[in-house]
Amino acid sequence: MTPRAASAEVPFPAWSGWPMVGLLVLWPVGLVTLGVQLGRDAGSPAFVLGCAASLLLLVALCCGFFVVQPNVARALVLFGHYRGTVRGDGFYWTNPFTSRRRVSVRAHNLASEKIKVNDLIGNPIEIAAVLVWRVRDTAQAIFDVEDYLHYVNVQSEAAIRQLASSHPYDEGHADGHLVSLRGHADEVAGELQGMLQGRLDRAGIEVLEARLSHLAYAQEIASAMLQRQQATAIVAARAKIVEGAVGMVEAALSELSKKHIIDLDPEKRAQLVGNLLVVLCGHTAPTPVLNTGTLYT
């Protein structure tokens, strides 16, 4: 179940900063001109105090300028109240007392550390993943979690551990499990992305891609599992050889009978079949034996 968002991003119509720049440039000129026209003494305490106050106000207003870079958002908060997010790049001005939190909405890469975890049947394995993500909702990323960068790191590791413990490392190691970590890379990547998206929705994070970058048995069982894989490969290869040899023997007997080259009784047929299988299935080249007798003596 996707957690309900406590916050949601809303767009903020920020003012362009260029008109305010013109206003702040003309302000001191207008103030001096007004003072001269009113006939006030430029050295009087009231006039000096007014200029100082205007200068302080001018400096305060200058603090309201901010710049938004491409693919960078600014979340505005005024006196503890979230006002909205500015996503469009440009030069803006807002209330000087507004805090402006910078949030990058570019795509981020996260390469997780290699972690040791047990697979579905308890074999210790080493696993790591690469995650591509970006901030989808700036308000959720800032206000719903303490530190969204740290949140992504922790939840990614948790999802990788959950994925590894849900599947066997290799095919055939767990009865009834069709998806293995090593043999079904696309299915595993899709499942990992779904797990991560469910965990990161709370922080307003969108998972663009997730894929395993490292998968291996842990060092303490790596040699034993390598022997097991080699044995499985040898058995599969021998089964294929035997299957081919039986087909060749069958074809040979069929051709001999069809062309009436030799009449074979059951004993001769059995000996011929045995010899052909030895030649075709043997590990080494056969050694010919010259038979000077008959098949029966």
C-alpha atoms as a PDB file:
ATOM      1  CA  MET A   1       0.000   0.000   0.000  1.00  0.00           C
ATOM      2  CA  THR A   2       1.401   3.405  -0.984  1.00  0.00           C
ATOM      3  CA  PRO A   3       1.664   5.721   2.026  1.00  0.00           C
ATOM      4  CA  ARG A   4      -0.441   8.870   1.937  1.00  0.00           C
ATOM      5  CA  ALA A   5       1.572  11.993   1.261  1.00  0.00           C
ATOM      6  CA  ALA A   6       1.546  14.492   4.131  1.00  0.00           C
ATOM      7  CA  SER A   7       2.678  17.240   1.751  1.00  0.00           C
ATOM      8  CA  ALA A   8       2.151  17.926  -1.916  1.00  0.00           C
ATOM      9  CA  GLU A   9       3.993  20.239  -4.256  1.00  0.00           C
ATOM     10  CA  VAL A  10       2.166  23.309  -5.541  1.00  0.00           C
ATOM     11  CA  PRO A  11       3.530  25.751  -8.140  1.00  0.00           C
ATOM     12  CA  PHE A  12       4.385  29.252  -6.938  1.00  0.00           C
ATOM     13  CA  PRO A  13       3.993  32.224  -9.331  1.00  0.00           C
ATOM     14  CA  ALA A  14       7.170  34.106  -8.421  1.00  0.00           C
ATOM     15  CA  TRP A  15       7.732  37.648  -9.625  1.00  0.00           C
ATOM     16  CA  SER A  16      10.428  38.397 -12.145  1.00  0.00           C
ATOM     17  CA  GLY A  17      13.410  40.070 -10.503  1.00  0.00           C
ATOM     18  CA  TRP A  18      14.157  42.575 -13.265  1.00  0.00           C
ATOM     19  CA  PRO A  19      11.358  45.089 -12.519  1.00  0.00           C
ATOM     20  CA  MET A  20      12.374  45.049  -8.859  1.00  0.00           C
ATOM     21  CA  VAL A  21      15.981  45.754  -9.846  1.00  0.00           C
ATOM     22  CA  GLY A  22      14.820  48.872 -11.684  1.00  0.00           C
ATOM     23  CA  LEU A  23      12.721  49.947  -8.717  1.00  0.00           C
ATOM     24  CA  LEU A  24      15.572  49.545  -6.247  1.00  0.00           C
ATOM     25  CA  VAL A  25      17.949  51.481  -8.507  1.00  0.00           C
ATOM     26  CA  LEU A  26      15.531  54.412  -8.788  1.00  0.00           C
ATOM     27  CA  TRP A  27      14.605  54.396  -5.109  1.00  0.00           C
ATOM     28  CA  PRO A  28      17.651  56.336  -3.733  1.00  0.00           C
ATOM     29  CA  VAL A  29      17.497  58.842  -6.598  1.00  0.00           C
ATOM     30  CA  GLY A  30      13.825  59.499  -5.949  1.00  0.00           C
ATOM     31  CA  LEU A  31      14.402  59.825  -2.223  1.00  0.00           C
ATOM     32  CA  VAL A  32      17.100  62.484  -2.642  1.00  0.00           C
ATOM     33  CA  THR A  33      15.068  64.315  -5.264  1.00  0.00           C
ATOM     34  CA  LEU A  34      12.040  64.352  -2.974  1.00  0.00           C
ATOM     35  CA  GLY A  35      14.081  65.711  -0.102  1.00  0.00           C
ATOM     36  CA  VAL A  36      15.492  68.542  -2.220  1.00  0.00           C
ATOM     37  CA  GLN A  37      12.088  69.469  -3.580  1.00  0.00           C
ATOM     38  CA  LEU A  38      10.625  69.631  -0.098  1.00  0.00           C
ATOM     39  CA  GLY A  39      13.391  71.998   0.835  1.00  0.00           C
ATOM     40  CA  ARG A  40      14.731  69.892   3.661  1.00  0.00           C
ATOM     41  CA  ASP A  41      18.230  70.389   4.916  1.00  0.00           C
ATOM     42  CA  ALA A  42      20.389  67.484   3.744  1.00  0.00           C
ATOM     43  CA  GLY A  43      22.305  67.625   7.005  1.00  0.00           C
ATOM     44  CA  SER A  44      19.293  67.627   9.356  1.00  0.00           C
ATOM     45  CA  PRO A  45      18.941  64.611  11.724  1.00  0.00           C
ATOM     46  CA  ALA A  46      15.489  63.774  10.371  1.00  0.00           C
ATOM     47  CA  PHE A  47      16.724  63.620   6.814  1.00  0.00           C
ATOM     48  CA  VAL A  48      19.768  61.511   7.754  1.00  0.00           C
ATOM     49  CA  LEU A  49      17.583  59.137   9.786  1.00  0.00           C
ATOM     50  CA  GLY A  50      15.171  58.783   6.875  1.00  0.00           C
ATOM     51  CA  CYS A  51      17.997  57.988   4.479  1.00  0.00           C
ATOM     52  CA  ALA A  52      19.415  55.391   6.855  1.00  0.00           C
ATOM     53  CA  ALA A  53      16.018  53.738   7.223  1.00  0.00           C
ATOM     54  CA  SER A  54      15.557  53.736   3.470  1.00  0.00           C
ATOM     55  CA  LEU A  55      19.003  52.206   3.001  1.00  0.00           C
ATOM     56  CA  LEU A  56      18.213  49.407   5.466  1.00  0.00           C
ATOM     57  CA  LEU A  57      14.937  48.745   3.691  1.00  0.00           C
ATOM     58  CA  LEU A  58      16.753  48.732   0.371  1.00  0.00           C
ATOM     59  CA  VAL A  59      19.247  46.121   1.628  1.00  0.00           C
ATOM     60  CA  ALA A  60      16.411  43.995   3.017  1.00  0.00           C
ATOM     61  CA  LEU A  61      14.555  44.078  -0.289  1.00  0.00           C
ATOM     62  CA  CYS A  62      17.720  43.033  -2.121  1.00  0.00           C
ATOM     63  CA  CYS A  63      17.692  39.810  -0.071  1.00  0.00           C
ATOM     64  CA  GLY A  64      14.544  38.746  -1.923  1.00  0.00           C
ATOM     65  CA  PHE A  65      16.335  38.056  -5.190  1.00  0.00           C
ATOM     66  CA  PHE A  66      17.075  34.454  -6.156  1.00  0.00           C
ATOM     67  CA  VAL A  67      18.067  32.502  -9.258  1.00  0.00           C
ATOM     68  CA  VAL A  68      16.675  29.130 -10.384  1.00  0.00           C
ATOM     69  CA  GLN A  69      18.981  27.019 -12.538  1.00  0.00           C
ATOM     70  CA  PRO A  70      17.694  24.540 -15.170  1.00  0.00           C
ATOM     71  CA  ASN A  71      16.381  21.321 -13.602  1.00  0.00           C
ATOM     72  CA  VAL A  72      16.664  22.825 -10.130  1.00  0.00           C
ATOM     73  CA  ALA A  73      13.605  23.773  -8.063  1.00  0.00           C
ATOM     74  CA  ARG A  74      13.228  26.221  -5.176  1.00  0.00           C
ATOM     75  CA  ALA A  75      10.743  25.461  -2.400  1.00  0.00           C
ATOM     76  CA  LEU A  76       9.567  28.664  -0.672  1.00  0.00           C
ATOM     77  CA  VAL A  77       8.658  28.724   3.028  1.00  0.00           C
ATOM     78  CA  LEU A  78       7.447  31.917   4.740  1.00  0.00           C
ATOM     79  CA  PHE A  79       7.273  31.915   8.556  1.00  0.00           C
ATOM     80  CA  GLY A  80       6.873  28.122   8.642  1.00  0.00           C
ATOM     81  CA  HIS A  81       4.229  28.013   5.916  1.00  0.00           C
ATOM     82  CA  TYR A  82       4.961  26.276   2.615  1.00  0.00           C
ATOM     83  CA  ARG A  83       4.022  28.710  -0.156  1.00  0.00           C
ATOM     84  CA  GLY A  84       4.976  26.673  -3.240  1.00  0.00           C
ATOM     85  CA  THR A  85       7.786  25.602  -5.523  1.00  0.00           C
ATOM     86  CA  VAL A  86       9.394  27.487  -8.391  1.00  0.00           C
ATOM     87  CA  ARG A  87      10.587  25.112 -11.129  1.00  0.00           C
ATOM     88  CA  GLY A  88      11.101  27.407 -14.110  1.00  0.00           C
ATOM     89  CA  ASP A  89      14.651  28.634 -14.547  1.00  0.00           C
ATOM     90  CA  GLY A  90      15.201  32.385 -14.336  1.00  0.00           C
ATOM     91  CA  PHE A  91      15.767  35.412 -12.088  1.00  0.00           C
ATOM     92  CA  TYR A  92      13.057  36.046  -9.476  1.00  0.00           C
ATOM     93  CA  TRP A  93      12.165  38.170  -6.486  1.00  0.00           C
ATOM     94  CA  THR A  94      10.026  37.277  -3.503  1.00  0.00           C
ATOM     95  CA  ASN A  95       9.439  38.317   0.095  1.00  0.00           C
ATOM     96  CA  PRO A  96      12.912  38.712   1.682  1.00  0.00           C
ATOM     97  CA  PHE A  97      11.774  36.785   4.764  1.00  0.00           C
ATOM     98  CA  THR A  98      10.979  33.733   2.641  1.00  0.00           C
ATOM     99  CA  SER A  99      13.441  30.847   2.921  1.00  0.00           C
ATOM    100  CA  ARG A 100      14.262  29.199  -0.393  1.00  0.00           C
ATOM    101  CA  ARG A 101      15.241  25.510  -0.254  1.00  0.00           C
ATOM    102  CA  ARG A 102      17.169  24.261  -3.282  1.00  0.00           C
ATOM    103  CA  VAL A 103      16.153  20.835  -4.608  1.00  0.00           C
ATOM    104  CA  SER A 104      17.733  19.244  -7.681  1.00  0.00           C
ATOM    105  CA  VAL A 105      15.231  17.504  -9.950  1.00  0.00           C
ATOM    106  CA  ARG A 106      17.940  16.054 -12.197  1.00  0.00           C
ATOM    107  CA  ALA A 107      18.409  12.291 -12.515  1.00  0.00           C
ATOM    108  CA  HIS A 108      20.666  10.821  -9.833  1.00  0.00           C
ATOM    109  CA  ASN A 109      22.755   7.654  -9.956  1.00  0.00           C
ATOM    110  CA  LEU A 110      23.148   5.489  -6.868  1.00  0.00           C
ATOM    111  CA  ALA A 111      25.572   2.558  -6.902  1.00  0.00           C
ATOM    112  CA  SER A 112      24.937   0.546  -3.760  1.00  0.00           C
ATOM    113  CA  GLU A 113      27.682  -1.139  -1.796  1.00  0.00           C
ATOM    114  CA  LYS A 114      28.169  -4.886  -2.107  1.00  0.00           C
ATOM    115  CA  ILE A 115      26.208  -6.494   0.695  1.00  0.00           C
ATOM    116  CA  LYS A 116      26.172 -10.091   1.905  1.00  0.00           C
ATOM    117  CA  VAL A 117      22.735 -11.658   2.266  1.00  0.00           C
ATOM    118  CA  ASN A 118      21.180 -15.126   2.132  1.00  0.00           C
ATOM    119  CA  ASP A 119      19.096 -16.081  -0.885  1.00  0.00           C
ATOM    120  CA  LEU A 120      15.797 -17.974  -0.729  1.00  0.00           C
ATOM    121  CA  ILE A 121      17.390 -21.312   0.206  1.00  0.00           C
ATOM    122  CA  GLY A 122      19.963 -19.842   2.588  1.00  0.00           C
ATOM    123  CA  ASN A 123      23.050 -19.596   0.384  1.00  0.00           C
ATOM    124  CA  PRO A 124      25.179 -16.558   1.294  1.00  0.00           C
ATOM    125  CA  ILE A 125      25.604 -14.311  -1.728  1.00  0.00           C
ATOM    126  CA  GLU A 126      27.064 -10.893  -2.542  1.00  0.00           C
ATOM    127  CA  ILE A 127      24.730  -8.492  -4.313  1.00  0.00           C
ATOM    128  CA  ALA A 128      24.730  -4.843  -5.399  1.00  0.00           C
ATOM    129  CA  ALA A 129      22.529  -2.680  -7.610  1.00  0.00           C
ATOM    130  CA  VAL A 130      22.518   0.549  -9.601  1.00  0.00           C
ATOM    131  CA  LEU A 131      19.561   2.888  -9.144  1.00  0.00           C
ATOM    132  CA  VAL A 132      18.554   5.869 -11.292  1.00  0.00           C
ATOM    133  CA  TRP A 133      16.114   8.208  -9.562  1.00  0.00           C
ATOM    134  CA  ARG A 134      14.924  11.798  -9.416  1.00  0.00           C
ATOM    135  CA  VAL A 135      12.772  13.990  -7.193  1.00  0.00           C
ATOM    136  CA  ARG A 136       9.174  13.997  -8.423  1.00  0.00           C
ATOM    137  CA  ASP A 137       7.556  16.029  -5.612  1.00  0.00           C
ATOM    138  CA  THR A 138       9.769  18.617  -3.891  1.00  0.00           C
ATOM    139  CA  ALA A 139       7.371  19.164  -0.991  1.00  0.00           C
ATOM    140  CA  GLN A 140       7.349  15.474  -0.073  1.00  0.00           C
ATOM    141  CA  ALA A 141      11.128  15.227  -0.414  1.00  0.00           C
ATOM    142  CA  ILE A 142      11.686  18.156   1.956  1.00  0.00           C
ATOM    143  CA  PHE A 143       8.864  17.880   4.488  1.00  0.00           C
ATOM    144  CA  ASP A 144       7.854  14.185   4.623  1.00  0.00           C
ATOM    145  CA  VAL A 145      11.300  12.702   5.343  1.00  0.00           C
ATOM    146  CA  GLU A 146      14.236  14.003   7.366  1.00  0.00           C
ATOM    147  CA  ASP A 147      16.916  13.696   4.665  1.00  0.00           C
ATOM    148  CA  TYR A 148      15.718  12.365   1.328  1.00  0.00           C
ATOM    149  CA  LEU A 149      19.239  11.512   0.100  1.00  0.00           C
ATOM    150  CA  HIS A 150      19.910   9.363   3.162  1.00  0.00           C
ATOM    151  CA  TYR A 151      16.388   7.953   2.891  1.00  0.00           C
ATOM    152  CA  VAL A 152      17.045   6.759  -0.660  1.00  0.00           C
ATOM    153  CA  ASN A 153      20.300   5.053   0.403  1.00  0.00           C
ATOM    154  CA  VAL A 154      18.752   3.201   3.338  1.00  0.00           C
ATOM    155  CA  GLN A 155      15.587   2.116   1.534  1.00  0.00           C
ATOM    156  CA  SER A 156      17.587   0.935  -1.491  1.00  0.00           C
ATOM    157  CA  GLU A 157      19.652  -1.400   0.668  1.00  0.00           C
ATOM    158  CA  ALA A 158      16.505  -2.708   2.362  1.00  0.00           C
ATOM    159  CA  ALA A 159      14.856  -3.408  -1.001  1.00  0.00           C
ATOM    160  CA  ILE A 160      17.947  -5.222  -2.309  1.00  0.00           C
ATOM    161  CA  ARG A 161      18.030  -7.433   0.786  1.00  0.00           C
ATOM    162  CA  GLN A 162      14.332  -8.229   0.423  1.00  0.00           C
ATOM    163  CA  LEU A 163      14.776  -9.083  -3.258  1.00  0.00           C
ATOM    164  CA  ALA A 164      17.756 -11.373  -2.626  1.00  0.00           C
ATOM    165  CA  SER A 165      15.931 -13.305   0.097  1.00  0.00           C
ATOM    166  CA  SER A 166      12.885 -13.822  -2.148  1.00  0.00           C
ATOM    167  CA  HIS A 167      14.612 -15.721  -4.975  1.00  0.00           C
ATOM    168  CA  PRO A 168      17.212 -18.469  -5.352  1.00  0.00           C
ATOM    169  CA  TYR A 169      20.583 -17.570  -6.807  1.00  0.00           C
ATOM    170  CA  ASP A 170      20.351 -20.012  -9.696  1.00  0.00           C
ATOM    171  CA  GLU A 171      17.715 -22.000 -11.533  1.00  0.00           C
ATOM    172  CA  GLY A 172      16.681 -25.349 -10.130  1.00  0.00           C
ATOM    173  CA  HIS A 173      17.958 -24.643  -6.616  1.00  0.00           C
ATOM    174  CA  ALA A 174      14.463 -24.165  -5.204  1.00  0.00           C
ATOM    175  CA  ASP A 175      11.520 -26.330  -6.214  1.00  0.00           C
ATOM    176  CA  GLY A 176       8.583 -24.390  -7.622  1.00  0.00           C
ATOM    177  CA  HIS A 177      10.523 -21.135  -8.032  1.00  0.00           C
ATOM    178  CA  LEU A 178      10.758 -20.149 -11.688  1.00  0.00           C
ATOM    179  CA  VAL A 179      12.559 -16.804 -11.244  1.00  0.00           C
ATOM    180  CA  SER A 180      16.212 -16.863 -10.194  1.00  0.00           C
ATOM    181  CA  LEU A 181      18.545 -13.956  -9.551  1.00  0.00           C
ATOM    182  CA  ARG A 182      21.131 -15.067 -12.123  1.00  0.00           C
ATOM    183  CA  GLY A 183      18.899 -16.487 -14.829  1.00  0.00           C
ATOM    184  CA  HIS A 184      16.134 -13.865 -15.047  1.00  0.00           C
ATOM    185  CA  ALA A 185      17.816 -10.469 -15.054  1.00  0.00           C
ATOM    186  CA  ASP A 186      14.922  -8.526 -16.631  1.00  0.00           C
ATOM    187  CA  GLU A 187      12.265  -9.959 -14.304  1.00  0.00           C
ATOM    188  CA  VAL A 188      14.460  -9.331 -11.259  1.00  0.00           C
ATOM    189  CA  ALA A 189      15.187  -5.754 -12.378  1.00  0.00           C
ATOM    190  CA  GLY A 190      11.480  -5.043 -12.808  1.00  0.00           C
ATOM    191  CA  GLU A 191      10.683  -6.474  -9.388  1.00  0.00           C
ATOM    192  CA  LEU A 192      13.470  -4.443  -7.766  1.00  0.00           C
ATOM    193  CA  GLN A 193      12.217  -1.243  -9.392  1.00  0.00           C
ATOM    194  CA  GLY A 194       8.701  -1.940  -8.114  1.00  0.00           C
ATOM    195  CA  MET A 195       9.972  -2.578  -4.582  1.00  0.00           C
ATOM    196  CA  LEU A 196      11.993   0.627  -4.597  1.00  0.00           C
ATOM    197  CA  GLN A 197       9.142   2.708  -5.983  1.00  0.00           C
ATOM    198  CA  GLY A 198       6.826   1.487  -3.257  1.00  0.00           C
ATOM    199  CA  ARG A 199       9.355   2.406  -0.575  1.00  0.00           C
ATOM    200  CA  LEU A 200      10.330   5.804  -2.026  1.00  0.00           C
ATOM    201  CA  ASP A 201       6.844   7.112  -2.806  1.00  0.00           C
ATOM    202  CA  ARG A 202       6.719   8.561   0.698  1.00  0.00           C
ATOM    203  CA  ALA A 203       9.645  10.861  -0.157  1.00  0.00           C
ATOM    204  CA  GLY A 204       8.279  11.940  -3.550  1.00  0.00           C
ATOM    205  CA  ILE A 205      11.026  10.029  -5.397  1.00  0.00           C
ATOM    206  CA  GLU A 206      10.540   8.512  -8.851  1.00  0.00           C
ATOM    207  CA  VAL A 207      12.605   5.432  -9.698  1.00  0.00           C
ATOM    208  CA  LEU A 208      13.620   5.605 -13.360  1.00  0.00           C
ATOM    209  CA  GLU A 209      15.643   2.385 -13.511  1.00  0.00           C
ATOM    210  CA  ALA A 210      16.998  -0.254 -11.161  1.00  0.00           C
ATOM    211  CA  ARG A 211      19.255  -3.154 -12.079  1.00  0.00           C
ATOM    212  CA  LEU A 212      21.647  -5.535 -10.347  1.00  0.00           C
ATOM    213  CA  SER A 213      25.281  -4.576 -10.915  1.00  0.00           C
ATOM    214  CA  HIS A 214      26.967  -7.396  -8.958  1.00  0.00           C
ATOM    215  CA  LEU A 215      25.859 -10.921  -8.127  1.00  0.00           C
ATOM    216  CA  ALA A 216      28.095 -13.697  -6.849  1.00  0.00           C
ATOM    217  CA  TYR A 217      28.319 -16.377  -4.193  1.00  0.00           C
ATOM    218  CA  ALA A 218      30.037 -15.377  -0.976  1.00  0.00           C
ATOM    219  CA  GLN A 219      33.705 -16.372  -0.744  1.00  0.00           C
ATOM    220  CA  GLU A 220      33.130 -19.119   1.832  1.00  0.00           C
ATOM    221  CA  ILE A 221      30.959 -21.161  -0.564  1.00  0.00           C
ATOM    222  CA  ALA A 222      32.138 -19.882  -3.932  1.00  0.00           C
ATOM    223  CA  SER A 223      34.462 -22.836  -4.630  1.00  0.00           C
ATOM    224  CA  ALA A 224      31.852 -25.411  -3.622  1.00  0.00           C
ATOM    225  CA  MET A 225      29.182 -23.791  -5.748  1.00  0.00           C
ATOM    226  CA  LEU A 226      31.593 -23.580  -8.670  1.00  0.00           C
ATOM    227  CA  GLN A 227      32.137 -27.333  -8.464  1.00  0.00           C
ATOM    228  CA  ARG A 228      28.380 -27.820  -8.341  1.00  0.00           C
ATOM    229  CA  GLN A 229      27.892 -25.672 -11.433  1.00  0.00           C
ATOM    230  CA  GLN A 230      30.664 -27.535 -13.236  1.00  0.00           C
ATOM    231  CA  ALA A 231      29.118 -30.873 -12.305  1.00  0.00           C
ATOM    232  CA  THR A 232      25.722 -29.714 -13.543  1.00  0.00           C
ATOM    233  CA  ALA A 233      27.255 -28.549 -16.801  1.00  0.00           C
ATOM    234  CA  ILE A 234      29.120 -31.862 -17.257  1.00  0.00           C
ATOM    235  CA  VAL A 235      25.951 -33.882 -16.632  1.00  0.00           C
ATOM    236  CA  ALA A 236      24.012 -31.759 -19.112  1.00  0.00           C
ATOM    237  CA  ALA A 237      26.772 -32.121 -21.711  1.00  0.00           C
ATOM    238  CA  ARG A 238      26.986 -35.895 -21.242  1.00  0.00           C
ATOM    239  CA  ALA A 239      23.207 -36.193 -21.557  1.00  0.00           C
ATOM    240  CA  LYS A 240      23.362 -34.304 -24.842  1.00  0.00           C
ATOM    241  CA  ILE A 241      26.188 -36.530 -26.077  1.00  0.00           C
ATOM    242  CA  VAL A 242      24.282 -39.694 -25.167  1.00  0.00           C
ATOM    243  CA  GLU A 243      21.158 -38.388 -26.865  1.00  0.00           C
ATOM    244  CA  GLY A 244      23.125 -37.745 -30.048  1.00  0.00           C
ATOM    245  CA  ALA A 245      24.942 -41.073 -29.859  1.00  0.00           C
ATOM    246  CA  VAL A 246      21.694 -43.011 -29.540  1.00  0.00           C
ATOM    247  CA  GLY A 247      20.356 -41.238 -32.608  1.00  0.00           C
ATOM    248  CA  MET A 248      23.507 -42.047 -34.589  1.00  0.00           C
ATOM    249  CA  VAL A 249      23.392 -45.740 -33.570  1.00  0.00           C
ATOM    250  CA  GLU A 250      19.739 -45.918 -34.515  1.00  0.00           C
ATOM    251  CA  ALA A 251      20.497 -44.372 -37.911  1.00  0.00           C
ATOM    252  CA  ALA A 252      23.438 -46.761 -38.468  1.00  0.00           C
ATOM    253  CA  LEU A 253      21.362 -49.876 -37.706  1.00  0.00           C
ATOM    254  CA  SER A 254      18.550 -48.615 -39.903  1.00  0.00           C
ATOM    255  CA  GLU A 255      20.914 -48.025 -42.853  1.00  0.00           C
ATOM    256  CA  LEU A 256      22.562 -51.451 -42.412  1.00  0.00           C
ATOM    257  CA  SER A 257      19.189 -53.195 -42.439  1.00  0.00           C
ATOM    258  CA  LYS A 258      17.826 -51.119 -45.299  1.00  0.00           C
ATOM    259  CA  LYS A 259      20.820 -51.762 -47.611  1.00  0.00           C
ATOM    260  CA  HIS A 260      21.228 -55.430 -46.542  1.00  0.00           C
ATOM    261  CA  ILE A 261      24.933 -54.932 -45.896  1.00  0.00           C
ATOM    262  CA  ILE A 262      24.982 -57.429 -43.038  1.00  0.00           C
ATOM    263  CA  ASP A 263      22.427 -59.561 -41.233  1.00  0.00           C
ATOM    264  CA  LEU A 264      22.620 -59.034 -37.500  1.00  0.00           C
ATOM    265  CA  ASP A 265      21.193 -61.414 -34.965  1.00  0.00           C
ATOM    266  CA  PRO A 266      20.335 -59.997 -31.503  1.00  0.00           C
ATOM    267  CA  GLU A 267      23.769 -60.793 -30.056  1.00  0.00           C
ATOM    268  CA  LYS A 268      25.639 -59.121 -32.943  1.00  0.00           C
ATOM    269  CA  ARG A 269      23.294 -56.171 -32.786  1.00  0.00           C
ATOM    270  CA  ALA A 270      23.905 -55.757 -29.054  1.00  0.00           C
ATOM    271  CA  GLN A 271      27.679 -55.922 -29.502  1.00  0.00           C
ATOM    272  CA  LEU A 272      27.602 -53.421 -32.372  1.00  0.00           C
ATOM    273  CA  VAL A 273      25.444 -51.047 -30.341  1.00  0.00           C
ATOM    274  CA  GLY A 274      27.813 -51.329 -27.360  1.00  0.00           C
ATOM    275  CA  ASN A 275      30.874 -50.641 -29.481  1.00  0.00           C
ATOM    276  CA  LEU A 276      29.304 -47.637 -31.186  1.00  0.00           C
ATOM    277  CA  LEU A 277      28.221 -46.137 -27.856  1.00  0.00           C
ATOM    278  CA  VAL A 278      31.698 -46.595 -26.415  1.00  0.00           C
ATOM    279  CA  VAL A 279      33.242 -44.863 -29.420  1.00  0.00           C
ATOM    280  CA  LEU A 280      30.706 -42.019 -29.495  1.00  0.00           C
ATOM    281  CA  CYS A 281      30.432 -41.401 -25.724  1.00  0.00           C
ATOM    282  CA  GLY A 282      34.001 -42.039 -24.616  1.00  0.00           C
ATOM    283  CA  HIS A 283      36.177 -39.270 -23.194  1.00  0.00           C
ATOM    284  CA  THR A 284      39.230 -40.344 -25.191  1.00  0.00           C
ATOM    285  CA  ALA A 285      39.831 -41.699 -28.664  1.00  0.00           C
ATOM    286  CA  PRO A 286      39.067 -45.448 -28.825  1.00  0.00           C
ATOM    287  CA  THR A 287      41.892 -48.001 -29.241  1.00  0.00           C
ATOM    288  CA  PRO A 288      41.164 -50.403 -32.106  1.00  0.00           C
ATOM    289  CA  VAL A 289      41.355 -54.157 -31.373  1.00  0.00           C
ATOM    290  CA  LEU A 290      41.914 -56.682 -34.172  1.00  0.00           C
ATOM    291  CA  ASN A 291      39.621 -59.700 -33.764  1.00  0.00           C
ATOM    292  CA  THR A 292      41.048 -62.757 -35.596  1.00  0.00           C
ATOM    293  CA  GLY A 293      38.283 -65.066 -34.481  1.00  0.00           C
ATOM    294  CA  THR A 294      34.518 -64.872 -34.754  1.00  0.00           C
ATOM    295  CA  LEU A 295      31.974 -63.137 -32.660  1.00  0.00           C
ATOM    296  CA  TYR A 296      31.354 -66.381 -30.746  1.00  0.00           C
ATOM    297  CA  THR A 297      34.906 -67.717 -30.150  1.00  0.00           C
END
